[in-house]
Amino acid sequence: MNGTGARVVWLLVAVLVSTVAGLVTFVLRARLGARAAEAALWAGSAFGGSMVVALGALVFVAG
């Protein structure tokens, strides 16, 4: 697999991990009694934070 193909795969993995983090955060916050809007804000924060970390790592590793 060439360099560009590997970067695309890692980008898709980063998006998947961020989406899972957001969904898990939403479900856990909703089950703990948070309102839907509050749980959605927490999920968005988890998604954004994990996406920044994953993409930063991707840039660092893939150069």
PDB file of N, CA and C in Angstrom:
ATOM      1  N   MET A   1       0.844  -1.170   0.000  1.00  0.00           N
ATOM      2  CA  MET A   1       0.000   0.000   0.000  1.00  0.00           C
ATOM      3  C   MET A   1       0.896   1.243   0.000  1.00  0.00           C
ATOM      4  N   ASN A   2       0.598   2.167  -0.890  1.00  0.00           N
ATOM      5  CA  ASN A   2       1.425   3.372  -0.967  1.00  0.00           C
ATOM      6  C   ASN A   2       1.112   4.332   0.182  1.00  0.00           C
ATOM      7  N   GLY A   3       1.877   5.388   0.279  1.00  0.00           N
ATOM      8  CA  GLY A   3       1.746   6.322   1.390  1.00  0.00           C
ATOM      9  C   GLY A   3       0.385   6.991   1.456  1.00  0.00           C
ATOM     10  N   THR A   4      -0.162   7.358   0.306  1.00  0.00           N
ATOM     11  CA  THR A   4      -1.462   8.029   0.288  1.00  0.00           C
ATOM     12  C   THR A   4      -2.569   7.072   0.725  1.00  0.00           C
ATOM     13  N   GLY A   5      -2.507   5.849   0.273  1.00  0.00           N
ATOM     14  CA  GLY A   5      -3.510   4.859   0.675  1.00  0.00           C
ATOM     15  C   GLY A   5      -3.485   4.587   2.164  1.00  0.00           C
ATOM     16  N   ALA A   6      -2.290   4.528   2.722  1.00  0.00           N
ATOM     17  CA  ALA A   6      -2.158   4.303   4.166  1.00  0.00           C
ATOM     18  C   ALA A   6      -2.713   5.480   4.944  1.00  0.00           C
ATOM     19  N   ARG A   7      -2.496   6.698   4.470  1.00  0.00           N
ATOM     20  CA  ARG A   7      -3.036   7.877   5.147  1.00  0.00           C
ATOM     21  C   ARG A   7      -4.555   7.887   5.114  1.00  0.00           C
ATOM     22  N   VAL A   8      -5.129   7.476   4.001  1.00  0.00           N
ATOM     23  CA  VAL A   8      -6.592   7.429   3.896  1.00  0.00           C
ATOM     24  C   VAL A   8      -7.157   6.412   4.879  1.00  0.00           C
ATOM     25  N   VAL A   9      -6.518   5.261   4.981  1.00  0.00           N
ATOM     26  CA  VAL A   9      -6.965   4.237   5.920  1.00  0.00           C
ATOM     27  C   VAL A   9      -6.889   4.763   7.346  1.00  0.00           C
ATOM     28  N   TRP A  10      -5.776   5.401   7.702  1.00  0.00           N
ATOM     29  CA  TRP A  10      -5.642   5.936   9.062  1.00  0.00           C
ATOM     30  C   TRP A  10      -6.616   7.067   9.317  1.00  0.00           C
ATOM     31  N   LEU A  11      -6.933   7.864   8.304  1.00  0.00           N
ATOM     32  CA  LEU A  11      -7.928   8.921   8.456  1.00  0.00           C
ATOM     33  C   LEU A  11      -9.302   8.315   8.734  1.00  0.00           C
ATOM     34  N   LEU A  12      -9.640   7.249   8.028  1.00  0.00           N
ATOM     35  CA  LEU A  12     -10.920   6.573   8.268  1.00  0.00           C
ATOM     36  C   LEU A  12     -10.964   5.962   9.671  1.00  0.00           C
ATOM     37  N   VAL A  13      -9.851   5.415  10.126  1.00  0.00           N
ATOM     38  CA  VAL A  13      -9.783   4.879  11.488  1.00  0.00           C
ATOM     39  C   VAL A  13      -9.976   5.996  12.503  1.00  0.00           C
ATOM     40  N   ALA A  14      -9.374   7.152  12.253  1.00  0.00           N
ATOM     41  CA  ALA A  14      -9.529   8.294  13.159  1.00  0.00           C
ATOM     42  C   ALA A  14     -10.980   8.746  13.231  1.00  0.00           C
ATOM     43  N   VAL A  15     -11.644   8.799  12.101  1.00  0.00           N
ATOM     44  CA  VAL A  15     -13.059   9.184  12.074  1.00  0.00           C
ATOM     45  C   VAL A  15     -13.901   8.147  12.810  1.00  0.00           C
ATOM     46  N   LEU A  16     -13.617   6.883  12.623  1.00  0.00           N
ATOM     47  CA  LEU A  16     -14.359   5.819  13.302  1.00  0.00           C
ATOM     48  C   LEU A  16     -14.184   5.897  14.810  1.00  0.00           C
ATOM     49  N   VAL A  17     -12.942   6.065  15.258  1.00  0.00           N
ATOM     50  CA  VAL A  17     -12.677   6.159  16.697  1.00  0.00           C
ATOM     51  C   VAL A  17     -13.381   7.375  17.293  1.00  0.00           C
ATOM     52  N   SER A  18     -13.344   8.496  16.602  1.00  0.00           N
ATOM     53  CA  SER A  18     -14.003   9.701  17.095  1.00  0.00           C
ATOM     54  C   SER A  18     -15.514   9.528  17.158  1.00  0.00           C
ATOM     55  N   THR A  19     -16.076   8.881  16.158  1.00  0.00           N
ATOM     56  CA  THR A  19     -17.518   8.649  16.148  1.00  0.00           C
ATOM     57  C   THR A  19     -17.922   7.731  17.291  1.00  0.00           C
ATOM     58  N   VAL A  20     -17.171   6.680  17.518  1.00  0.00           N
ATOM     59  CA  VAL A  20     -17.466   5.770  18.628  1.00  0.00           C
ATOM     60  C   VAL A  20     -17.349   6.501  19.958  1.00  0.00           C
ATOM     61  N   ALA A  21     -16.330   7.343  20.111  1.00  0.00           N
ATOM     62  CA  ALA A  21     -16.178   8.112  21.349  1.00  0.00           C
ATOM     63  C   ALA A  21     -17.379   9.019  21.572  1.00  0.00           C
ATOM     64  N   GLY A  22     -17.843   9.671  20.532  1.00  0.00           N
ATOM     65  CA  GLY A  22     -19.010  10.533  20.645  1.00  0.00           C
ATOM     66  C   GLY A  22     -20.271   9.765  21.002  1.00  0.00           C
ATOM     67  N   LEU A  23     -20.481   8.626  20.364  1.00  0.00           N
ATOM     68  CA  LEU A  23     -21.673   7.817  20.648  1.00  0.00           C
ATOM     69  C   LEU A  23     -21.662   7.248  22.061  1.00  0.00           C
ATOM     70  N   VAL A  24     -20.515   6.752  22.491  1.00  0.00           N
ATOM     71  CA  VAL A  24     -20.411   6.204  23.844  1.00  0.00           C
ATOM     72  C   VAL A  24     -20.665   7.298  24.872  1.00  0.00           C
ATOM     73  N   THR A  25     -20.102   8.479  24.638  1.00  0.00           N
ATOM     74  CA  THR A  25     -20.324   9.594  25.557  1.00  0.00           C
ATOM     75  C   THR A  25     -21.792   9.974  25.603  1.00  0.00           C
ATOM     76  N   PHE A  26     -22.446  10.028  24.448  1.00  0.00           N
ATOM     77  CA  PHE A  26     -23.866  10.381  24.405  1.00  0.00           C
ATOM     78  C   PHE A  26     -24.699   9.365  25.181  1.00  0.00           C
ATOM     79  N   VAL A  27     -24.458   8.085  24.924  1.00  0.00           N
ATOM     80  CA  VAL A  27     -25.243   7.038  25.591  1.00  0.00           C
ATOM     81  C   VAL A  27     -25.019   7.063  27.105  1.00  0.00           C
ATOM     82  N   LEU A  28     -23.765   7.185  27.522  1.00  0.00           N
ATOM     83  CA  LEU A  28     -23.486   7.198  28.957  1.00  0.00           C
ATOM     84  C   LEU A  28     -24.089   8.420  29.637  1.00  0.00           C
ATOM     85  N   ARG A  29     -23.959   9.593  29.025  1.00  0.00           N
ATOM     86  CA  ARG A  29     -24.527  10.798  29.634  1.00  0.00           C
ATOM     87  C   ARG A  29     -26.052  10.719  29.681  1.00  0.00           C
ATOM     88  N   ALA A  30     -26.672  10.188  28.636  1.00  0.00           N
ATOM     89  CA  ALA A  30     -28.129  10.065  28.622  1.00  0.00           C
ATOM     90  C   ALA A  30     -28.602   9.075  29.684  1.00  0.00           C
ATOM     91  N   ARG A  31     -27.873   7.990  29.879  1.00  0.00           N
ATOM     92  CA  ARG A  31     -28.250   6.998  30.885  1.00  0.00           C
ATOM     93  C   ARG A  31     -28.046   7.512  32.302  1.00  0.00           C
ATOM     94  N   LEU A  32     -27.139   8.451  32.466  1.00  0.00           N
ATOM     95  CA  LEU A  32     -26.893   9.016  33.788  1.00  0.00           C
ATOM     96  C   LEU A  32     -27.876  10.140  34.130  1.00  0.00           C
ATOM     97  N   GLY A  33     -28.821  10.377  33.246  1.00  0.00           N
ATOM     98  CA  GLY A  33     -29.886  11.322  33.545  1.00  0.00           C
ATOM     99  C   GLY A  33     -29.722  12.700  32.940  1.00  0.00           C
ATOM    100  N   ALA A  34     -28.753  12.896  32.087  1.00  0.00           N
ATOM    101  CA  ALA A  34     -28.589  14.205  31.456  1.00  0.00           C
ATOM    102  C   ALA A  34     -29.681  14.399  30.409  1.00  0.00           C
ATOM    103  N   ARG A  35     -30.041  15.642  30.199  1.00  0.00           N
ATOM    104  CA  ARG A  35     -31.007  15.930  29.129  1.00  0.00           C
ATOM    105  C   ARG A  35     -30.358  15.624  27.788  1.00  0.00           C
ATOM    106  N   ALA A  36     -31.184  15.427  26.769  1.00  0.00           N
ATOM    107  CA  ALA A  36     -30.666  15.057  25.444  1.00  0.00           C
ATOM    108  C   ALA A  36     -29.747  16.143  24.888  1.00  0.00           C
ATOM    109  N   ALA A  37     -30.114  17.408  25.072  1.00  0.00           N
ATOM    110  CA  ALA A  37     -29.291  18.493  24.543  1.00  0.00           C
ATOM    111  C   ALA A  37     -27.923  18.526  25.236  1.00  0.00           C
ATOM    112  N   GLU A  38     -27.915  18.328  26.554  1.00  0.00           N
ATOM    113  CA  GLU A  38     -26.651  18.313  27.287  1.00  0.00           C
ATOM    114  C   GLU A  38     -25.797  17.118  26.870  1.00  0.00           C
ATOM    115  N   ALA A  39     -26.422  15.957  26.723  1.00  0.00           N
ATOM    116  CA  ALA A  39     -25.693  14.763  26.294  1.00  0.00           C
ATOM    117  C   ALA A  39     -25.122  14.958  24.888  1.00  0.00           C
ATOM    118  N   ALA A  40     -25.878  15.633  24.022  1.00  0.00           N
ATOM    119  CA  ALA A  40     -25.391  15.888  22.665  1.00  0.00           C
ATOM    120  C   ALA A  40     -24.179  16.823  22.683  1.00  0.00           C
ATOM    121  N   LEU A  41     -24.191  17.811  23.574  1.00  0.00           N
ATOM    122  CA  LEU A  41     -23.031  18.702  23.685  1.00  0.00           C
ATOM    123  C   LEU A  41     -21.792  17.947  24.161  1.00  0.00           C
ATOM    124  N   TRP A  42     -21.979  17.080  25.143  1.00  0.00           N
ATOM    125  CA  TRP A  42     -20.859  16.271  25.626  1.00  0.00           C
ATOM    126  C   TRP A  42     -20.339  15.352  24.523  1.00  0.00           C
ATOM    127  N   ALA A  43     -21.264  14.766  23.751  1.00  0.00           N
ATOM    128  CA  ALA A  43     -20.853  13.874  22.663  1.00  0.00           C
ATOM    129  C   ALA A  43     -20.089  14.646  21.596  1.00  0.00           C
ATOM    130  N   GLY A  44     -20.544  15.841  21.277  1.00  0.00           N
ATOM    131  CA  GLY A  44     -19.834  16.664  20.297  1.00  0.00           C
ATOM    132  C   GLY A  44     -18.443  17.027  20.776  1.00  0.00           C
ATOM    133  N   SER A  45     -18.335  17.308  22.055  1.00  0.00           N
ATOM    134  CA  SER A  45     -17.034  17.623  22.630  1.00  0.00           C
ATOM    135  C   SER A  45     -16.106  16.415  22.569  1.00  0.00           C
ATOM    136  N   ALA A  46     -16.630  15.249  22.895  1.00  0.00           N
ATOM    137  CA  ALA A  46     -15.815  14.025  22.828  1.00  0.00           C
ATOM    138  C   ALA A  46     -15.391  13.732  21.395  1.00  0.00           C
ATOM    139  N   PHE A  47     -16.305  13.919  20.449  1.00  0.00           N
ATOM    140  CA  PHE A  47     -15.988  13.682  19.038  1.00  0.00           C
ATOM    141  C   PHE A  47     -14.892  14.629  18.579  1.00  0.00           C
ATOM    142  N   GLY A  48     -15.077  15.916  18.863  1.00  0.00           N
ATOM    143  CA  GLY A  48     -14.099  16.910  18.422  1.00  0.00           C
ATOM    144  C   GLY A  48     -12.737  16.698  19.057  1.00  0.00           C
ATOM    145  N   GLY A  49     -12.727  16.428  20.349  1.00  0.00           N
ATOM    146  CA  GLY A  49     -11.460  16.224  21.043  1.00  0.00           C
ATOM    147  C   GLY A  49     -10.711  15.006  20.546  1.00  0.00           C
ATOM    148  N   SER A  50     -11.418  13.908  20.373  1.00  0.00           N
ATOM    149  CA  SER A  50     -10.737  12.707  19.901  1.00  0.00           C
ATOM    150  C   SER A  50     -10.316  12.841  18.441  1.00  0.00           C
ATOM    151  N   MET A  51     -11.078  13.607  17.655  1.00  0.00           N
ATOM    152  CA  MET A  51     -10.700  13.833  16.255  1.00  0.00           C
ATOM    153  C   MET A  51      -9.415  14.661  16.180  1.00  0.00           C
ATOM    154  N   VAL A  52      -9.309  15.690  17.020  1.00  0.00           N
ATOM    155  CA  VAL A  52      -8.096  16.516  17.031  1.00  0.00           C
ATOM    156  C   VAL A  52      -6.883  15.669  17.416  1.00  0.00           C
ATOM    157  N   VAL A  53      -7.040  14.837  18.437  1.00  0.00           N
ATOM    158  CA  VAL A  53      -5.929  13.985  18.869  1.00  0.00           C
ATOM    159  C   VAL A  53      -5.564  12.981  17.782  1.00  0.00           C
ATOM    160  N   ALA A  54      -6.563  12.341  17.191  1.00  0.00           N
ATOM    161  CA  ALA A  54      -6.294  11.332  16.161  1.00  0.00           C
ATOM    162  C   ALA A  54      -5.658  11.956  14.928  1.00  0.00           C
ATOM    163  N   LEU A  55      -6.152  13.096  14.491  1.00  0.00           N
ATOM    164  CA  LEU A  55      -5.573  13.729  13.308  1.00  0.00           C
ATOM    165  C   LEU A  55      -4.172  14.281  13.602  1.00  0.00           C
ATOM    166  N   GLY A  56      -3.972  14.782  14.824  1.00  0.00           N
ATOM    167  CA  GLY A  56      -2.636  15.225  15.199  1.00  0.00           C
ATOM    168  C   GLY A  56      -1.644  14.077  15.175  1.00  0.00           C
ATOM    169  N   ALA A  57      -2.060  12.946  15.693  1.00  0.00           N
ATOM    170  CA  ALA A  57      -1.202  11.766  15.674  1.00  0.00           C
ATOM    171  C   ALA A  57      -0.947  11.311  14.240  1.00  0.00           C
ATOM    172  N   LEU A  58      -1.955  11.382  13.414  1.00  0.00           N
ATOM    173  CA  LEU A  58      -1.804  10.993  12.015  1.00  0.00           C
ATOM    174  C   LEU A  58      -0.790  11.884  11.306  1.00  0.00           C
ATOM    175  N   VAL A  59      -0.875  13.182  11.542  1.00  0.00           N
ATOM    176  CA  VAL A  59       0.072  14.110  10.920  1.00  0.00           C
ATOM    177  C   VAL A  59       1.480  13.854  11.443  1.00  0.00           C
ATOM    178  N   PHE A  60       1.586  13.595  12.748  1.00  0.00           N
ATOM    179  CA  PHE A  60       2.898  13.342  13.346  1.00  0.00           C
ATOM    180  C   PHE A  60       3.529  12.067  12.788  1.00  0.00           C
ATOM    181  N   VAL A  61       2.728  11.005  12.682  1.00  0.00           N
ATOM    182  CA  VAL A  61       3.262   9.711  12.247  1.00  0.00           C
ATOM    183  C   VAL A  61       3.478   9.689  10.723  1.00  0.00           C
ATOM    184  N   ALA A  62       2.480  10.157   9.971  1.00  0.00           N
ATOM    185  CA  ALA A  62       2.540  10.052   8.523  1.00  0.00           C
ATOM    186  C   ALA A  62       3.369  11.169   7.893  1.00  0.00           C
ATOM    187  N   GLY A  63       3.499  12.269   8.603  1.00  0.00           N
ATOM    188  CA  GLY A  63       4.324  13.377   8.117  1.00  0.00           C
ATOM    189  C   GLY A  63       3.732  14.004   6.908  1.00  0.00           C
TER     190      GLY A  63
END
